C-alpha cells in the first residue's frame, strides 16, 4: 500500500482552510498543518518537509507566488498548488515559473477541486482550463500543435483524451509530446509543461 501523502495548507481565510482539509481528507491526503500566514508556514516547512502544499495566491499583504518559491527552496521535493478566486493568466504563468505544478480556482466544485489537488500531489501538472487556454501560445521552439498538446496536458487530459479533442490518434499525440520532450530535454509530461513555461517558451497571449 502506498505511503499516505502529507500536506500543508496556507490561506488567510480559516473557512477556506477547513474546507480544503475536508476535501483533501476525502482524497486520502493527511493535512499536517494549516496556516493563515506565510511566515509560520515556512517556519514549519523548514523543519517538517511535506509531500504537498496548497498556497493561496493572495495572502493578505504577502504574495503566494513568493511563497511558492520559498517552499521550493526549502523543500525541493514538495509539490505545490496555487489556489485563487481569480482566473489570472499572468499569475498562472508566474506560479508555474516559481515551481508550482498546479494552478486551480476556488470556484471549482469541491469534489472536482479535491480530485485536482490529489493529481497535483501525485506529481501531475494541473492548470484550470479557464486559464490554461490563455497562458499558452506558440513559440519559436515549440510548434502550434505541440503547444496545444501541452496546454491540454496541463488541463489534466490523457493522451487518448487529447487525441479525441484534437481529432488525432493517441499515437500522434504521443509523438508530439515526445518531440516536445526531446526539444526541452525533459522526461515526463508534467516536467515538459513546467519547463516550457519556466523558459518562456509558452508565451502569454
N, C-alpha and C. Protein backbone atom coordinates (compact mmCIF):
# COMPACT_ATOMS: atom_id res chain seq x y z
N UNK A 1 0.85 -1.20 0.00
CA UNK A 1 0.00 0.00 0.00
C UNK A 1 0.88 1.24 0.00
N UNK A 2 0.62 2.22 -0.91
CA UNK A 2 1.48 3.40 -0.97
C UNK A 2 1.38 4.23 0.30
N UNK A 3 2.48 4.93 0.61
CA UNK A 3 2.51 5.75 1.81
C UNK A 3 1.51 6.90 1.68
N UNK A 4 0.93 7.29 2.80
CA UNK A 4 -0.02 8.40 2.82
C UNK A 4 0.71 9.71 2.55
N UNK A 5 0.15 10.52 1.63
CA UNK A 5 0.76 11.79 1.30
C UNK A 5 0.41 12.84 2.36
N UNK A 6 1.40 13.64 2.74
CA UNK A 6 1.18 14.68 3.74
C UNK A 6 1.06 16.04 3.06
N UNK A 7 0.27 16.92 3.67
CA UNK A 7 0.00 18.22 3.06
C UNK A 7 -0.02 19.33 4.09
N UNK A 8 0.35 20.52 3.61
CA UNK A 8 0.25 21.75 4.39
C UNK A 8 -0.61 22.73 3.60
N UNK A 9 -1.47 23.47 4.30
CA UNK A 9 -2.36 24.43 3.67
C UNK A 9 -2.03 25.84 4.15
N UNK A 10 -2.00 26.79 3.22
CA UNK A 10 -1.70 28.19 3.56
C UNK A 10 -2.75 29.08 2.90
N UNK A 11 -3.62 29.66 3.72
CA UNK A 11 -4.67 30.55 3.22
C UNK A 11 -5.08 31.46 4.37
N UNK A 12 -5.32 32.74 4.07
CA UNK A 12 -5.63 33.67 5.15
C UNK A 12 -7.10 33.68 5.55
N UNK A 13 -7.87 32.69 5.08
CA UNK A 13 -9.27 32.55 5.48
C UNK A 13 -9.45 31.18 6.15
N UNK A 14 -9.83 31.19 7.41
CA UNK A 14 -9.97 29.95 8.18
C UNK A 14 -11.01 29.02 7.57
N UNK A 15 -12.10 29.57 7.06
CA UNK A 15 -13.14 28.73 6.47
C UNK A 15 -12.62 27.99 5.24
N UNK A 16 -11.77 28.65 4.47
CA UNK A 16 -11.18 28.00 3.29
C UNK A 16 -10.28 26.86 3.74
N UNK A 17 -9.49 27.09 4.78
CA UNK A 17 -8.61 26.04 5.30
C UNK A 17 -9.41 24.83 5.74
N UNK A 18 -10.52 25.07 6.41
CA UNK A 18 -11.34 23.95 6.88
C UNK A 18 -11.93 23.18 5.71
N UNK A 19 -12.40 23.90 4.68
CA UNK A 19 -12.95 23.23 3.51
C UNK A 19 -11.91 22.44 2.76
N UNK A 20 -10.72 22.99 2.62
CA UNK A 20 -9.63 22.28 1.94
C UNK A 20 -9.23 21.03 2.71
N UNK A 21 -9.18 21.14 4.03
CA UNK A 21 -8.82 19.97 4.85
C UNK A 21 -9.80 18.83 4.62
N UNK A 22 -11.09 19.16 4.57
CA UNK A 22 -12.08 18.11 4.32
C UNK A 22 -11.93 17.52 2.92
N UNK A 23 -11.69 18.40 1.93
CA UNK A 23 -11.56 17.92 0.55
C UNK A 23 -10.36 17.00 0.38
N UNK A 24 -9.23 17.36 1.00
CA UNK A 24 -8.03 16.53 0.90
C UNK A 24 -8.18 15.23 1.68
N UNK A 25 -8.87 15.30 2.82
CA UNK A 25 -9.09 14.08 3.61
C UNK A 25 -9.91 13.07 2.81
N UNK A 26 -10.90 13.57 2.08
CA UNK A 26 -11.72 12.67 1.24
C UNK A 26 -10.87 12.01 0.16
N UNK A 27 -9.79 12.67 -0.25
CA UNK A 27 -8.90 12.13 -1.30
C UNK A 27 -7.76 11.31 -0.71
N UNK A 28 -7.76 11.13 0.62
CA UNK A 28 -6.75 10.28 1.24
C UNK A 28 -5.46 10.96 1.61
N UNK A 29 -5.43 12.30 1.58
CA UNK A 29 -4.22 13.03 1.99
C UNK A 29 -4.34 13.41 3.47
N UNK A 30 -3.21 13.45 4.15
CA UNK A 30 -3.20 13.80 5.57
C UNK A 30 -2.67 15.23 5.73
N UNK A 31 -3.54 16.12 6.17
CA UNK A 31 -3.14 17.51 6.39
C UNK A 31 -2.45 17.61 7.75
N UNK A 32 -1.17 17.99 7.73
CA UNK A 32 -0.39 18.05 8.96
C UNK A 32 -0.22 19.47 9.49
N UNK A 33 -0.67 20.45 8.70
CA UNK A 33 -0.57 21.83 9.16
C UNK A 33 -1.43 22.75 8.33
N UNK A 34 -2.15 23.68 9.00
CA UNK A 34 -2.95 24.70 8.32
C UNK A 34 -2.54 26.06 8.87
N UNK A 35 -2.23 27.00 7.97
CA UNK A 35 -1.68 28.28 8.40
C UNK A 35 -2.38 29.43 7.70
N UNK A 36 -2.63 30.51 8.45
CA UNK A 36 -3.25 31.71 7.88
C UNK A 36 -2.20 32.73 7.45
N UNK A 37 -0.95 32.49 7.79
CA UNK A 37 0.13 33.42 7.43
C UNK A 37 1.35 32.64 6.93
N UNK A 38 2.04 33.21 5.95
CA UNK A 38 3.17 32.53 5.33
C UNK A 38 4.35 32.31 6.26
N UNK A 39 4.76 33.28 7.09
CA UNK A 39 5.95 33.07 7.91
C UNK A 39 5.86 31.83 8.80
N UNK A 40 4.70 31.63 9.42
CA UNK A 40 4.53 30.45 10.28
C UNK A 40 4.61 29.16 9.45
N UNK A 41 4.01 29.19 8.27
CA UNK A 41 4.03 28.01 7.41
C UNK A 41 5.44 27.69 6.96
N UNK A 42 6.18 28.70 6.55
CA UNK A 42 7.55 28.48 6.08
C UNK A 42 8.45 28.01 7.22
N UNK A 43 8.21 28.54 8.41
CA UNK A 43 8.96 28.08 9.58
C UNK A 43 8.72 26.60 9.84
N UNK A 44 7.45 26.20 9.72
CA UNK A 44 7.11 24.78 9.90
C UNK A 44 7.79 23.92 8.84
N UNK A 45 7.70 24.36 7.59
CA UNK A 45 8.25 23.56 6.49
C UNK A 45 9.76 23.46 6.53
N UNK A 46 10.41 24.43 7.14
CA UNK A 46 11.88 24.37 7.23
C UNK A 46 12.32 23.21 8.12
N UNK A 47 11.44 22.76 9.00
CA UNK A 47 11.77 21.66 9.91
C UNK A 47 10.98 20.39 9.62
N UNK A 48 9.86 20.53 8.89
CA UNK A 48 9.00 19.38 8.64
C UNK A 48 8.61 19.33 7.16
N UNK A 49 9.47 18.83 6.29
CA UNK A 49 9.12 18.73 4.87
C UNK A 49 7.87 17.88 4.66
N UNK A 50 7.05 18.27 3.70
CA UNK A 50 5.84 17.51 3.39
C UNK A 50 5.83 17.18 1.89
N UNK A 51 4.86 16.34 1.51
CA UNK A 51 4.76 15.95 0.11
C UNK A 51 4.11 17.04 -0.74
N UNK A 52 3.22 17.82 -0.13
CA UNK A 52 2.34 18.68 -0.92
C UNK A 52 1.96 19.92 -0.12
N UNK A 53 1.87 21.05 -0.81
CA UNK A 53 1.44 22.29 -0.18
C UNK A 53 0.43 23.00 -1.08
N UNK A 54 -0.60 23.56 -0.47
CA UNK A 54 -1.59 24.36 -1.18
C UNK A 54 -1.44 25.79 -0.69
N UNK A 55 -1.24 26.73 -1.62
CA UNK A 55 -0.95 28.12 -1.26
C UNK A 55 -1.96 29.05 -1.92
N UNK A 56 -2.57 29.92 -1.12
CA UNK A 56 -3.46 30.94 -1.67
C UNK A 56 -2.64 31.96 -2.45
N UNK A 57 -3.16 32.43 -3.58
CA UNK A 57 -2.43 33.39 -4.40
C UNK A 57 -2.22 34.71 -3.66
N UNK A 58 -3.22 35.14 -2.90
CA UNK A 58 -3.15 36.42 -2.20
C UNK A 58 -3.28 36.17 -0.70
N UNK A 59 -2.18 36.37 0.00
CA UNK A 59 -2.11 36.09 1.44
C UNK A 59 -2.00 37.40 2.21
N UNK A 60 -3.11 38.13 2.27
CA UNK A 60 -3.06 39.41 2.96
C UNK A 60 -2.08 40.32 2.24
N UNK A 61 -1.02 40.72 2.93
CA UNK A 61 -0.02 41.58 2.32
C UNK A 61 1.10 40.81 1.65
N UNK A 62 1.01 39.49 1.61
CA UNK A 62 2.07 38.67 1.03
C UNK A 62 1.64 38.12 -0.31
N UNK A 63 2.61 37.65 -1.08
CA UNK A 63 2.36 37.09 -2.40
C UNK A 63 2.50 35.58 -2.37
N UNK A 64 1.47 34.89 -2.85
CA UNK A 64 1.54 33.45 -2.92
C UNK A 64 2.63 32.97 -3.86
N UNK A 65 2.93 33.76 -4.90
CA UNK A 65 3.99 33.40 -5.84
C UNK A 65 5.33 33.37 -5.11
N UNK A 66 5.58 34.38 -4.27
CA UNK A 66 6.82 34.42 -3.50
C UNK A 66 6.91 33.21 -2.57
N UNK A 67 5.78 32.87 -1.96
CA UNK A 67 5.75 31.75 -1.02
C UNK A 67 6.04 30.44 -1.74
N UNK A 68 5.52 30.28 -2.95
CA UNK A 68 5.82 29.08 -3.74
C UNK A 68 7.33 28.93 -3.91
N UNK A 69 7.99 30.01 -4.30
CA UNK A 69 9.43 29.97 -4.49
C UNK A 69 10.17 29.61 -3.21
N UNK A 70 9.70 30.14 -2.08
CA UNK A 70 10.33 29.83 -0.79
C UNK A 70 10.14 28.36 -0.42
N UNK A 71 8.95 27.85 -0.67
CA UNK A 71 8.69 26.43 -0.37
C UNK A 71 9.60 25.54 -1.21
N UNK A 72 9.72 25.86 -2.49
CA UNK A 72 10.57 25.06 -3.36
C UNK A 72 12.04 25.15 -2.96
N UNK A 73 12.43 26.29 -2.42
CA UNK A 73 13.81 26.44 -1.95
C UNK A 73 14.03 25.61 -0.68
N UNK A 74 13.07 25.66 0.23
CA UNK A 74 13.20 24.93 1.49
C UNK A 74 13.07 23.42 1.30
N UNK A 75 12.18 23.02 0.40
CA UNK A 75 11.87 21.61 0.23
C UNK A 75 11.61 21.32 -1.25
N UNK A 76 12.66 21.11 -2.03
CA UNK A 76 12.51 20.96 -3.49
C UNK A 76 11.58 19.82 -3.92
N UNK A 77 11.40 18.83 -3.06
CA UNK A 77 10.56 17.69 -3.43
C UNK A 77 9.08 17.94 -3.13
N UNK A 78 8.77 19.02 -2.43
CA UNK A 78 7.38 19.32 -2.12
C UNK A 78 6.68 19.86 -3.36
N UNK A 79 5.57 19.24 -3.73
CA UNK A 79 4.78 19.71 -4.86
C UNK A 79 3.83 20.80 -4.36
N UNK A 80 3.62 21.82 -5.17
CA UNK A 80 2.85 22.98 -4.72
C UNK A 80 1.74 23.31 -5.71
N UNK A 81 0.54 23.54 -5.17
CA UNK A 81 -0.58 24.03 -5.97
C UNK A 81 -0.96 25.41 -5.47
N UNK A 82 -1.19 26.33 -6.40
CA UNK A 82 -1.68 27.66 -6.06
C UNK A 82 -3.19 27.69 -6.26
N UNK A 83 -3.87 28.22 -5.27
CA UNK A 83 -5.33 28.27 -5.29
C UNK A 83 -5.77 29.73 -5.24
N UNK A 84 -6.73 30.10 -6.07
CA UNK A 84 -7.13 31.50 -6.13
C UNK A 84 -8.59 31.63 -6.55
N UNK A 85 -9.16 32.78 -6.30
CA UNK A 85 -10.51 33.10 -6.75
C UNK A 85 -10.50 33.78 -8.11
N UNK A 86 -9.31 34.08 -8.62
CA UNK A 86 -9.18 34.89 -9.83
C UNK A 86 -8.59 34.08 -10.98
N UNK A 87 -9.23 34.13 -12.15
CA UNK A 87 -8.70 33.42 -13.32
C UNK A 87 -7.68 34.32 -14.02
N UNK A 88 -6.55 34.46 -13.34
CA UNK A 88 -5.48 35.39 -13.74
C UNK A 88 -4.40 34.62 -14.51
N UNK A 89 -4.33 34.82 -15.83
CA UNK A 89 -3.38 34.06 -16.65
C UNK A 89 -1.95 34.47 -16.37
N UNK A 90 -1.73 35.74 -16.03
CA UNK A 90 -0.37 36.20 -15.71
C UNK A 90 0.10 35.52 -14.44
N UNK A 91 -0.78 35.46 -13.43
CA UNK A 91 -0.42 34.80 -12.17
C UNK A 91 -0.19 33.30 -12.38
N UNK A 92 -0.99 32.68 -13.26
CA UNK A 92 -0.82 31.25 -13.53
C UNK A 92 0.57 30.96 -14.08
N UNK A 93 1.00 31.76 -15.05
CA UNK A 93 2.33 31.57 -15.63
C UNK A 93 3.42 31.83 -14.59
N UNK A 94 3.23 32.88 -13.78
CA UNK A 94 4.22 33.20 -12.74
C UNK A 94 4.31 32.08 -11.71
N UNK A 95 3.18 31.50 -11.36
CA UNK A 95 3.17 30.42 -10.37
C UNK A 95 3.96 29.22 -10.89
N UNK A 96 3.77 28.87 -12.15
CA UNK A 96 4.49 27.73 -12.71
C UNK A 96 5.98 28.02 -12.82
N UNK A 97 6.31 29.26 -13.22
CA UNK A 97 7.72 29.63 -13.28
C UNK A 97 8.37 29.55 -11.90
N UNK A 98 7.60 29.80 -10.86
CA UNK A 98 8.13 29.77 -9.49
C UNK A 98 8.26 28.35 -8.95
N UNK A 99 7.69 27.38 -9.67
CA UNK A 99 7.83 25.99 -9.25
C UNK A 99 6.54 25.28 -8.91
N UNK A 100 5.40 25.97 -9.01
CA UNK A 100 4.12 25.30 -8.76
C UNK A 100 3.81 24.34 -9.89
N UNK A 101 3.11 23.26 -9.56
CA UNK A 101 2.65 22.34 -10.60
C UNK A 101 1.13 22.25 -10.62
N UNK A 102 0.50 23.22 -9.98
CA UNK A 102 -0.95 23.33 -10.03
C UNK A 102 -1.38 24.77 -9.90
N UNK A 103 -2.39 25.17 -10.69
CA UNK A 103 -2.99 26.50 -10.57
C UNK A 103 -4.49 26.28 -10.71
N UNK A 104 -5.21 26.37 -9.58
CA UNK A 104 -6.61 25.97 -9.54
C UNK A 104 -7.47 27.08 -8.96
N UNK A 105 -8.76 27.09 -9.34
CA UNK A 105 -9.67 28.13 -8.90
C UNK A 105 -10.56 27.64 -7.76
N UNK A 106 -10.76 28.52 -6.78
CA UNK A 106 -11.60 28.17 -5.63
C UNK A 106 -13.05 27.97 -6.03
N UNK A 107 -13.44 28.51 -7.17
CA UNK A 107 -14.82 28.39 -7.61
C UNK A 107 -15.15 27.01 -8.18
N UNK A 108 -14.14 26.15 -8.31
CA UNK A 108 -14.35 24.78 -8.78
C UNK A 108 -15.17 24.01 -7.74
N UNK A 109 -16.06 23.14 -8.21
CA UNK A 109 -16.84 22.32 -7.29
C UNK A 109 -15.91 21.57 -6.34
N UNK A 110 -16.34 21.43 -5.09
CA UNK A 110 -15.48 20.85 -4.06
C UNK A 110 -14.96 19.47 -4.44
N UNK A 111 -15.83 18.63 -5.00
CA UNK A 111 -15.40 17.27 -5.35
C UNK A 111 -14.35 17.29 -6.45
N UNK A 112 -14.54 18.17 -7.45
CA UNK A 112 -13.57 18.28 -8.53
C UNK A 112 -12.26 18.88 -8.04
N UNK A 113 -12.35 19.86 -7.16
CA UNK A 113 -11.14 20.51 -6.64
C UNK A 113 -10.31 19.52 -5.85
N UNK A 114 -10.95 18.71 -5.02
CA UNK A 114 -10.21 17.71 -4.25
C UNK A 114 -9.47 16.74 -5.17
N UNK A 115 -10.16 16.31 -6.23
CA UNK A 115 -9.52 15.39 -7.19
C UNK A 115 -8.34 16.06 -7.88
N UNK A 116 -8.51 17.31 -8.30
CA UNK A 116 -7.43 18.03 -8.97
C UNK A 116 -6.23 18.22 -8.05
N UNK A 117 -6.49 18.55 -6.79
CA UNK A 117 -5.39 18.71 -5.83
C UNK A 117 -4.67 17.38 -5.62
N UNK A 118 -5.42 16.31 -5.57
CA UNK A 118 -4.80 14.99 -5.43
C UNK A 118 -3.87 14.70 -6.62
N UNK A 119 -4.30 15.07 -7.82
CA UNK A 119 -3.48 14.84 -9.01
C UNK A 119 -2.16 15.62 -8.91
N UNK A 120 -2.23 16.86 -8.43
CA UNK A 120 -1.00 17.64 -8.27
C UNK A 120 -0.11 16.99 -7.22
N UNK A 121 -0.71 16.56 -6.10
CA UNK A 121 0.06 15.92 -5.03
C UNK A 121 0.77 14.68 -5.52
N UNK A 122 0.18 14.01 -6.50
CA UNK A 122 0.77 12.76 -7.02
C UNK A 122 1.82 13.03 -8.11
N UNK A 123 2.05 14.31 -8.44
CA UNK A 123 3.11 14.62 -9.39
C UNK A 123 2.67 15.08 -10.75
N UNK A 124 1.37 15.26 -10.94
CA UNK A 124 0.87 15.75 -12.23
C UNK A 124 0.81 17.27 -12.24
N UNK A 125 0.90 17.85 -13.42
CA UNK A 125 0.72 19.29 -13.56
C UNK A 125 -0.72 19.54 -13.98
N UNK A 126 -1.43 20.37 -13.19
CA UNK A 126 -2.85 20.63 -13.46
C UNK A 126 -3.09 22.14 -13.42
N UNK A 127 -3.54 22.68 -14.54
CA UNK A 127 -3.88 24.10 -14.63
C UNK A 127 -5.36 24.19 -15.01
N UNK A 128 -6.12 24.98 -14.26
CA UNK A 128 -7.55 25.10 -14.54
C UNK A 128 -7.77 25.48 -16.00
N UNK A 129 -8.75 24.81 -16.62
CA UNK A 129 -9.00 25.02 -18.04
C UNK A 129 -9.35 26.46 -18.36
N UNK A 130 -9.90 27.20 -17.39
CA UNK A 130 -10.30 28.59 -17.64
C UNK A 130 -9.12 29.53 -17.82
N UNK A 131 -7.94 29.11 -17.36
CA UNK A 131 -6.75 29.94 -17.57
C UNK A 131 -5.73 29.27 -18.48
N UNK A 132 -5.77 27.94 -18.57
CA UNK A 132 -4.76 27.23 -19.37
C UNK A 132 -4.77 27.69 -20.82
N UNK A 133 -5.95 27.87 -21.41
CA UNK A 133 -6.03 28.24 -22.81
C UNK A 133 -5.43 29.61 -23.07
N UNK A 134 -5.46 30.48 -22.06
CA UNK A 134 -4.94 31.84 -22.23
C UNK A 134 -3.46 31.95 -21.95
N UNK A 135 -2.89 30.96 -21.29
CA UNK A 135 -1.48 31.03 -20.88
C UNK A 135 -0.54 30.60 -21.99
N UNK A 136 -1.00 29.68 -22.85
CA UNK A 136 -0.09 29.04 -23.79
C UNK A 136 -0.30 29.50 -25.23
N UNK A 137 0.80 29.83 -25.88
CA UNK A 137 0.81 30.29 -27.27
C UNK A 137 2.10 29.80 -27.93
N UNK A 138 2.09 29.52 -29.23
CA UNK A 138 3.30 29.01 -29.87
C UNK A 138 4.53 29.90 -29.69
N UNK A 139 5.69 29.25 -29.64
CA UNK A 139 6.97 29.97 -29.59
C UNK A 139 7.79 29.55 -30.79
N UNK A 140 9.00 30.09 -30.88
CA UNK A 140 9.87 29.72 -32.00
C UNK A 140 10.36 28.28 -31.89
N UNK A 141 10.46 27.75 -30.66
CA UNK A 141 10.98 26.40 -30.47
C UNK A 141 9.88 25.36 -30.58
N UNK A 142 8.73 25.65 -29.98
CA UNK A 142 7.63 24.69 -29.98
C UNK A 142 6.59 25.08 -31.02
N UNK A 143 6.17 24.11 -31.81
CA UNK A 143 5.16 24.37 -32.83
C UNK A 143 3.77 24.50 -32.24
N UNK A 144 2.83 24.97 -33.08
CA UNK A 144 1.47 25.19 -32.62
C UNK A 144 0.79 23.94 -32.09
N UNK A 145 0.97 22.81 -32.78
CA UNK A 145 0.35 21.57 -32.33
C UNK A 145 0.96 21.10 -31.02
N UNK A 146 2.28 21.24 -30.89
CA UNK A 146 2.94 20.86 -29.64
C UNK A 146 2.43 21.70 -28.47
N UNK A 147 2.24 23.00 -28.70
CA UNK A 147 1.73 23.88 -27.65
C UNK A 147 0.30 23.49 -27.27
N UNK A 148 -0.52 23.20 -28.27
CA UNK A 148 -1.90 22.79 -27.98
C UNK A 148 -1.91 21.52 -27.14
N UNK A 149 -1.06 20.56 -27.50
CA UNK A 149 -0.97 19.32 -26.74
C UNK A 149 -0.54 19.60 -25.31
N UNK A 150 0.48 20.43 -25.13
CA UNK A 150 0.95 20.74 -23.78
C UNK A 150 -0.11 21.47 -22.97
N UNK A 151 -0.87 22.34 -23.61
CA UNK A 151 -1.95 23.03 -22.90
C UNK A 151 -2.98 22.03 -22.38
N UNK A 152 -3.32 21.04 -23.20
CA UNK A 152 -4.30 20.04 -22.78
C UNK A 152 -3.72 19.09 -21.73
N UNK A 153 -2.41 18.84 -21.83
CA UNK A 153 -1.75 18.08 -20.76
C UNK A 153 -1.90 18.82 -19.44
N UNK A 154 -1.70 20.14 -19.49
CA UNK A 154 -1.81 20.96 -18.28
C UNK A 154 -3.22 20.94 -17.71
N UNK A 155 -4.22 20.70 -18.55
CA UNK A 155 -5.59 20.61 -18.08
C UNK A 155 -5.88 19.25 -17.46
N UNK A 156 -4.91 18.32 -17.54
CA UNK A 156 -5.08 17.02 -16.91
C UNK A 156 -5.59 15.92 -17.81
N UNK A 157 -5.63 16.17 -19.13
CA UNK A 157 -6.14 15.17 -20.06
C UNK A 157 -5.08 14.11 -20.37
N UNK A 158 -5.53 12.89 -20.62
CA UNK A 158 -4.63 11.82 -21.05
C UNK A 158 -4.37 11.97 -22.55
N UNK A 159 -3.39 11.20 -23.05
CA UNK A 159 -3.09 11.24 -24.49
C UNK A 159 -4.32 10.88 -25.32
N UNK A 160 -5.06 9.87 -24.86
CA UNK A 160 -6.25 9.45 -25.60
C UNK A 160 -7.32 10.55 -25.61
N UNK A 161 -7.51 11.21 -24.46
CA UNK A 161 -8.50 12.29 -24.38
C UNK A 161 -8.08 13.48 -25.24
N UNK A 162 -6.76 13.77 -25.25
CA UNK A 162 -6.26 14.85 -26.09
C UNK A 162 -6.50 14.52 -27.56
N UNK A 163 -6.24 13.28 -27.93
CA UNK A 163 -6.47 12.85 -29.30
C UNK A 163 -7.92 13.02 -29.72
N UNK A 164 -8.83 12.67 -28.81
CA UNK A 164 -10.25 12.83 -29.13
C UNK A 164 -10.60 14.30 -29.29
N UNK A 165 -10.03 15.16 -28.45
CA UNK A 165 -10.31 16.59 -28.52
C UNK A 165 -9.76 17.19 -29.83
N UNK A 166 -8.58 16.71 -30.26
CA UNK A 166 -7.93 17.27 -31.45
C UNK A 166 -8.21 16.47 -32.72
N UNK A 167 -8.99 15.38 -32.59
CA UNK A 167 -9.31 14.51 -33.72
C UNK A 167 -8.05 13.90 -34.32
N UNK A 168 -7.17 13.46 -33.44
CA UNK A 168 -5.94 12.77 -33.82
C UNK A 168 -5.84 11.49 -33.02
N UNK A 169 -5.04 10.54 -33.49
CA UNK A 169 -4.84 9.31 -32.73
C UNK A 169 -3.96 9.60 -31.52
N UNK A 170 -4.11 8.76 -30.50
CA UNK A 170 -3.28 8.98 -29.31
C UNK A 170 -1.82 8.69 -29.61
N UNK A 171 -1.55 7.92 -30.68
CA UNK A 171 -0.16 7.70 -31.09
C UNK A 171 0.45 9.00 -31.63
N UNK A 172 -0.36 9.76 -32.38
CA UNK A 172 0.12 11.04 -32.90
C UNK A 172 0.37 12.02 -31.75
N UNK A 173 -0.51 12.01 -30.76
CA UNK A 173 -0.33 12.88 -29.59
C UNK A 173 0.96 12.50 -28.86
N UNK A 174 1.19 11.21 -28.70
CA UNK A 174 2.42 10.76 -28.05
C UNK A 174 3.64 11.23 -28.83
N UNK A 175 3.55 11.21 -30.15
CA UNK A 175 4.66 11.65 -30.99
C UNK A 175 4.95 13.13 -30.78
N UNK A 176 3.91 13.95 -30.71
CA UNK A 176 4.10 15.39 -30.47
C UNK A 176 4.71 15.63 -29.09
N UNK A 177 4.25 14.87 -28.09
CA UNK A 177 4.81 15.01 -26.74
C UNK A 177 6.28 14.61 -26.73
N UNK A 178 6.60 13.52 -27.44
CA UNK A 178 7.99 13.05 -27.49
C UNK A 178 8.89 14.11 -28.12
N UNK A 179 8.40 14.76 -29.18
CA UNK A 179 9.18 15.81 -29.83
C UNK A 179 9.41 16.99 -28.88
N UNK A 180 8.36 17.37 -28.14
CA UNK A 180 8.50 18.47 -27.19
C UNK A 180 9.48 18.11 -26.07
N UNK A 181 9.42 16.87 -25.59
CA UNK A 181 10.35 16.42 -24.55
C UNK A 181 11.78 16.44 -25.05
N UNK A 182 11.97 16.00 -26.30
CA UNK A 182 13.31 15.98 -26.88
C UNK A 182 13.86 17.40 -26.99
N UNK A 183 13.03 18.33 -27.43
CA UNK A 183 13.47 19.73 -27.58
C UNK A 183 13.85 20.34 -26.23
N UNK A 184 13.11 19.95 -25.17
CA UNK A 184 13.31 20.57 -23.86
C UNK A 184 14.21 19.75 -22.93
N UNK A 185 14.55 18.53 -23.36
CA UNK A 185 15.39 17.68 -22.53
C UNK A 185 14.71 17.22 -21.27
N UNK A 186 13.41 16.93 -21.37
CA UNK A 186 12.64 16.51 -20.20
C UNK A 186 12.23 15.05 -20.33
N UNK A 187 11.73 14.50 -19.20
CA UNK A 187 11.40 13.08 -19.20
C UNK A 187 9.96 12.76 -18.89
N UNK A 188 9.19 13.73 -18.41
CA UNK A 188 7.78 13.47 -18.07
C UNK A 188 6.90 14.57 -18.64
N UNK A 189 5.61 14.29 -18.70
CA UNK A 189 4.65 15.27 -19.22
C UNK A 189 4.64 16.53 -18.35
N UNK A 190 4.54 16.34 -17.03
CA UNK A 190 4.48 17.50 -16.13
C UNK A 190 5.75 18.34 -16.22
N UNK A 191 6.90 17.67 -16.26
CA UNK A 191 8.17 18.39 -16.33
C UNK A 191 8.27 19.18 -17.63
N UNK A 192 7.71 18.62 -18.72
CA UNK A 192 7.78 19.29 -20.00
C UNK A 192 6.97 20.58 -20.00
N UNK A 193 5.74 20.52 -19.49
CA UNK A 193 4.91 21.72 -19.43
C UNK A 193 5.55 22.77 -18.52
N UNK A 194 5.99 22.33 -17.33
CA UNK A 194 6.58 23.27 -16.38
C UNK A 194 7.82 23.95 -16.96
N UNK A 195 8.68 23.17 -17.60
CA UNK A 195 9.92 23.75 -18.14
C UNK A 195 9.62 24.70 -19.29
N UNK A 196 8.64 24.36 -20.11
CA UNK A 196 8.28 25.23 -21.23
C UNK A 196 7.79 26.58 -20.72
N UNK A 197 6.99 26.57 -19.66
CA UNK A 197 6.51 27.83 -19.09
C UNK A 197 7.65 28.58 -18.41
N UNK A 198 8.46 27.86 -17.64
CA UNK A 198 9.56 28.50 -16.91
C UNK A 198 10.54 29.18 -17.86
N UNK A 199 10.73 28.61 -19.04
CA UNK A 199 11.68 29.18 -20.00
C UNK A 199 11.03 30.19 -20.95
N UNK A 200 9.75 30.46 -20.71
CA UNK A 200 9.06 31.43 -21.54
C UNK A 200 8.75 30.95 -22.94
N UNK A 201 8.76 29.63 -23.14
CA UNK A 201 8.50 29.08 -24.47
C UNK A 201 7.01 29.02 -24.77
N UNK A 202 6.19 29.03 -23.74
CA UNK A 202 4.74 29.10 -23.93
C UNK A 202 4.33 30.50 -23.52
N UNK A 203 4.37 31.38 -24.48
CA UNK A 203 4.21 32.80 -24.17
C UNK A 203 2.76 33.12 -23.85
N UNK A 204 2.59 34.15 -23.03
CA UNK A 204 1.24 34.59 -22.68
C UNK A 204 0.63 35.36 -23.85
N UNK A 205 -0.66 35.15 -24.03
CA UNK A 205 -1.39 35.86 -25.07
C UNK A 205 -1.64 37.29 -24.61
